[in-house]
Amino acid sequence: MPNKYLLLIAVASAAAMSAVAAVFVVRRSRTELPPVSPTVPRVDNLGSADGIVNQGTAGGDVAL
């Protein structure tokens, strides 16, 4: 009886480690990096600044 439990624990451990390895491999195989924030786009994805006319303050400064 104890040998069955040891075998069950060994199989469960191997399955868990395989699942963790699979998740790691799938995550590392992604070619596109996720955005830093889901609401703020990456700078690479923003359009050009053509047509933008001084959207800062009256002195031309950009508010941070």
N, C-alpha and C. Protein backbone atom coordinates (compact mmCIF):
# COMPACT_ATOMS: atom_id res chain seq x y z
N MET A 1 0.81 -1.20 0.00
CA MET A 1 0.00 0.00 0.00
C MET A 1 0.86 1.27 0.00
N PRO A 2 1.85 1.41 0.83
CA PRO A 2 2.66 2.63 0.81
C PRO A 2 3.36 2.84 -0.52
N ASN A 3 3.72 1.76 -1.21
CA ASN A 3 4.39 1.91 -2.51
C ASN A 3 3.46 2.56 -3.53
N LYS A 4 2.16 2.29 -3.43
CA LYS A 4 1.21 2.91 -4.34
C LYS A 4 1.13 4.41 -4.10
N TYR A 5 1.17 4.82 -2.84
CA TYR A 5 1.14 6.24 -2.52
C TYR A 5 2.42 6.94 -3.00
N LEU A 6 3.54 6.28 -2.83
CA LEU A 6 4.81 6.86 -3.30
C LEU A 6 4.80 7.01 -4.82
N LEU A 7 4.28 6.01 -5.50
CA LEU A 7 4.18 6.07 -6.95
C LEU A 7 3.23 7.20 -7.37
N LEU A 8 2.11 7.33 -6.67
CA LEU A 8 1.16 8.39 -6.97
C LEU A 8 1.78 9.77 -6.76
N ILE A 9 2.54 9.93 -5.68
CA ILE A 9 3.21 11.20 -5.40
C ILE A 9 4.26 11.49 -6.47
N ALA A 10 4.99 10.48 -6.89
CA ALA A 10 6.02 10.66 -7.92
C ALA A 10 5.39 11.05 -9.25
N VAL A 11 4.29 10.40 -9.61
CA VAL A 11 3.61 10.72 -10.87
C VAL A 11 3.03 12.13 -10.82
N ALA A 12 2.42 12.49 -9.71
CA ALA A 12 1.85 13.84 -9.57
C ALA A 12 2.94 14.90 -9.63
N SER A 13 4.06 14.65 -8.99
CA SER A 13 5.16 15.60 -9.03
C SER A 13 5.71 15.76 -10.45
N ALA A 14 5.85 14.65 -11.16
CA ALA A 14 6.35 14.70 -12.53
C ALA A 14 5.37 15.46 -13.43
N ALA A 15 4.08 15.25 -13.22
CA ALA A 15 3.07 15.95 -14.02
C ALA A 15 3.10 17.45 -13.74
N ALA A 16 3.24 17.82 -12.48
CA ALA A 16 3.29 19.23 -12.13
C ALA A 16 4.54 19.90 -12.70
N MET A 17 5.66 19.23 -12.62
CA MET A 17 6.90 19.80 -13.16
C MET A 17 6.82 19.90 -14.68
N SER A 18 6.19 18.94 -15.33
CA SER A 18 6.02 19.00 -16.78
C SER A 18 5.11 20.17 -17.17
N ALA A 19 4.07 20.40 -16.40
CA ALA A 19 3.16 21.52 -16.68
C ALA A 19 3.89 22.85 -16.52
N VAL A 20 4.69 22.98 -15.48
CA VAL A 20 5.45 24.21 -15.27
C VAL A 20 6.44 24.41 -16.41
N ALA A 21 7.10 23.37 -16.83
CA ALA A 21 8.06 23.47 -17.94
C ALA A 21 7.34 23.87 -19.23
N ALA A 22 6.17 23.31 -19.48
CA ALA A 22 5.41 23.65 -20.69
C ALA A 22 5.00 25.11 -20.69
N VAL A 23 4.53 25.60 -19.55
CA VAL A 23 4.14 27.01 -19.46
C VAL A 23 5.36 27.90 -19.68
N PHE A 24 6.47 27.55 -19.12
CA PHE A 24 7.70 28.33 -19.29
C PHE A 24 8.11 28.38 -20.76
N VAL A 25 8.08 27.25 -21.44
CA VAL A 25 8.48 27.20 -22.85
C VAL A 25 7.53 28.01 -23.71
N VAL A 26 6.24 27.91 -23.45
CA VAL A 26 5.26 28.65 -24.24
C VAL A 26 5.43 30.14 -24.03
N ARG A 27 5.64 30.56 -22.80
CA ARG A 27 5.81 32.00 -22.53
C ARG A 27 7.09 32.53 -23.15
N ARG A 28 8.16 31.76 -23.14
CA ARG A 28 9.43 32.22 -23.70
C ARG A 28 9.40 32.23 -25.23
N SER A 29 8.49 31.49 -25.84
CA SER A 29 8.45 31.42 -27.29
C SER A 29 7.67 32.58 -27.91
N ARG A 30 7.07 33.43 -27.09
CA ARG A 30 6.34 34.57 -27.62
C ARG A 30 7.32 35.55 -28.27
N THR A 31 6.97 36.03 -29.47
CA THR A 31 7.86 36.95 -30.16
C THR A 31 7.52 38.40 -29.84
N GLU A 32 6.28 38.70 -29.56
CA GLU A 32 5.88 40.07 -29.27
C GLU A 32 5.89 40.29 -27.76
N LEU A 33 6.59 41.32 -27.33
CA LEU A 33 6.64 41.62 -25.91
C LEU A 33 5.31 42.20 -25.46
N PRO A 34 4.84 41.82 -24.29
CA PRO A 34 3.58 42.39 -23.80
C PRO A 34 3.78 43.86 -23.44
N PRO A 35 2.72 44.65 -23.49
CA PRO A 35 2.86 46.06 -23.13
C PRO A 35 3.17 46.21 -21.64
N VAL A 36 3.82 47.31 -21.32
CA VAL A 36 4.14 47.58 -19.93
C VAL A 36 2.86 47.78 -19.14
N SER A 37 1.90 48.44 -19.75
CA SER A 37 0.62 48.69 -19.12
C SER A 37 -0.46 48.37 -20.14
N PRO A 38 -1.55 47.77 -19.74
CA PRO A 38 -2.60 47.47 -20.71
C PRO A 38 -3.29 48.72 -21.25
N THR A 39 -3.14 49.86 -20.58
CA THR A 39 -3.81 51.07 -21.03
C THR A 39 -2.88 52.04 -21.74
N VAL A 40 -1.59 51.86 -21.63
CA VAL A 40 -0.63 52.77 -22.26
C VAL A 40 0.11 52.02 -23.36
N PRO A 41 0.00 52.48 -24.62
CA PRO A 41 0.69 51.76 -25.70
C PRO A 41 2.19 51.97 -25.64
N ARG A 42 2.92 51.07 -26.27
CA ARG A 42 4.37 51.22 -26.38
C ARG A 42 4.67 52.40 -27.29
N VAL A 43 5.83 53.01 -27.11
CA VAL A 43 6.23 54.14 -27.93
C VAL A 43 6.36 53.71 -29.39
N ASP A 44 6.80 52.48 -29.64
CA ASP A 44 6.97 51.99 -31.01
C ASP A 44 5.64 51.98 -31.76
N ASN A 45 4.52 51.79 -31.06
CA ASN A 45 3.23 51.65 -31.71
C ASN A 45 2.52 52.98 -31.92
N LEU A 46 3.06 54.06 -31.39
CA LEU A 46 2.43 55.36 -31.56
C LEU A 46 2.69 55.88 -32.97
N GLY A 47 1.74 56.64 -33.45
CA GLY A 47 1.90 57.23 -34.77
C GLY A 47 2.91 58.36 -34.73
N SER A 48 3.17 58.94 -35.90
CA SER A 48 4.14 60.03 -35.96
C SER A 48 3.52 61.29 -35.37
N ALA A 49 4.35 62.27 -35.09
CA ALA A 49 3.90 63.52 -34.48
C ALA A 49 3.52 64.55 -35.53
N ASP A 50 3.42 64.16 -36.80
CA ASP A 50 3.04 65.11 -37.84
C ASP A 50 1.63 65.62 -37.59
N GLY A 51 1.45 66.90 -37.70
CA GLY A 51 0.12 67.47 -37.53
C GLY A 51 -0.19 67.86 -36.10
N ILE A 52 0.67 67.55 -35.16
CA ILE A 52 0.42 67.94 -33.79
C ILE A 52 0.94 69.36 -33.62
N VAL A 53 0.08 70.22 -33.16
CA VAL A 53 0.46 71.63 -33.00
C VAL A 53 0.43 71.96 -31.51
N ASN A 54 1.59 72.19 -30.92
CA ASN A 54 1.77 72.65 -29.55
C ASN A 54 0.59 72.31 -28.63
N GLN A 55 0.54 71.10 -28.19
CA GLN A 55 -0.52 70.70 -27.28
C GLN A 55 -0.08 70.81 -25.83
N GLY A 56 1.01 71.52 -25.60
CA GLY A 56 1.50 71.72 -24.24
C GLY A 56 0.84 72.92 -23.60
N THR A 57 1.52 73.54 -22.66
CA THR A 57 1.00 74.73 -22.00
C THR A 57 1.24 75.95 -22.88
N ALA A 58 0.85 77.07 -22.39
CA ALA A 58 0.96 78.29 -23.18
C ALA A 58 2.41 78.60 -23.55
N GLY A 59 3.36 78.24 -22.69
CA GLY A 59 4.76 78.49 -22.97
C GLY A 59 5.38 77.44 -23.87
N GLY A 60 4.63 76.45 -24.27
CA GLY A 60 5.16 75.40 -25.12
C GLY A 60 5.71 74.23 -24.35
N ASP A 61 5.63 74.27 -23.02
CA ASP A 61 6.11 73.15 -22.21
C ASP A 61 5.07 72.04 -22.21
N VAL A 62 5.53 70.86 -22.07
CA VAL A 62 4.62 69.72 -21.98
C VAL A 62 4.47 69.37 -20.51
N ALA A 63 3.25 69.29 -20.05
CA ALA A 63 3.00 68.97 -18.65
C ALA A 63 3.29 67.50 -18.42
N LEU A 64 4.02 67.20 -17.37
CA LEU A 64 4.34 65.80 -17.07
C LEU A 64 3.41 65.23 -16.06
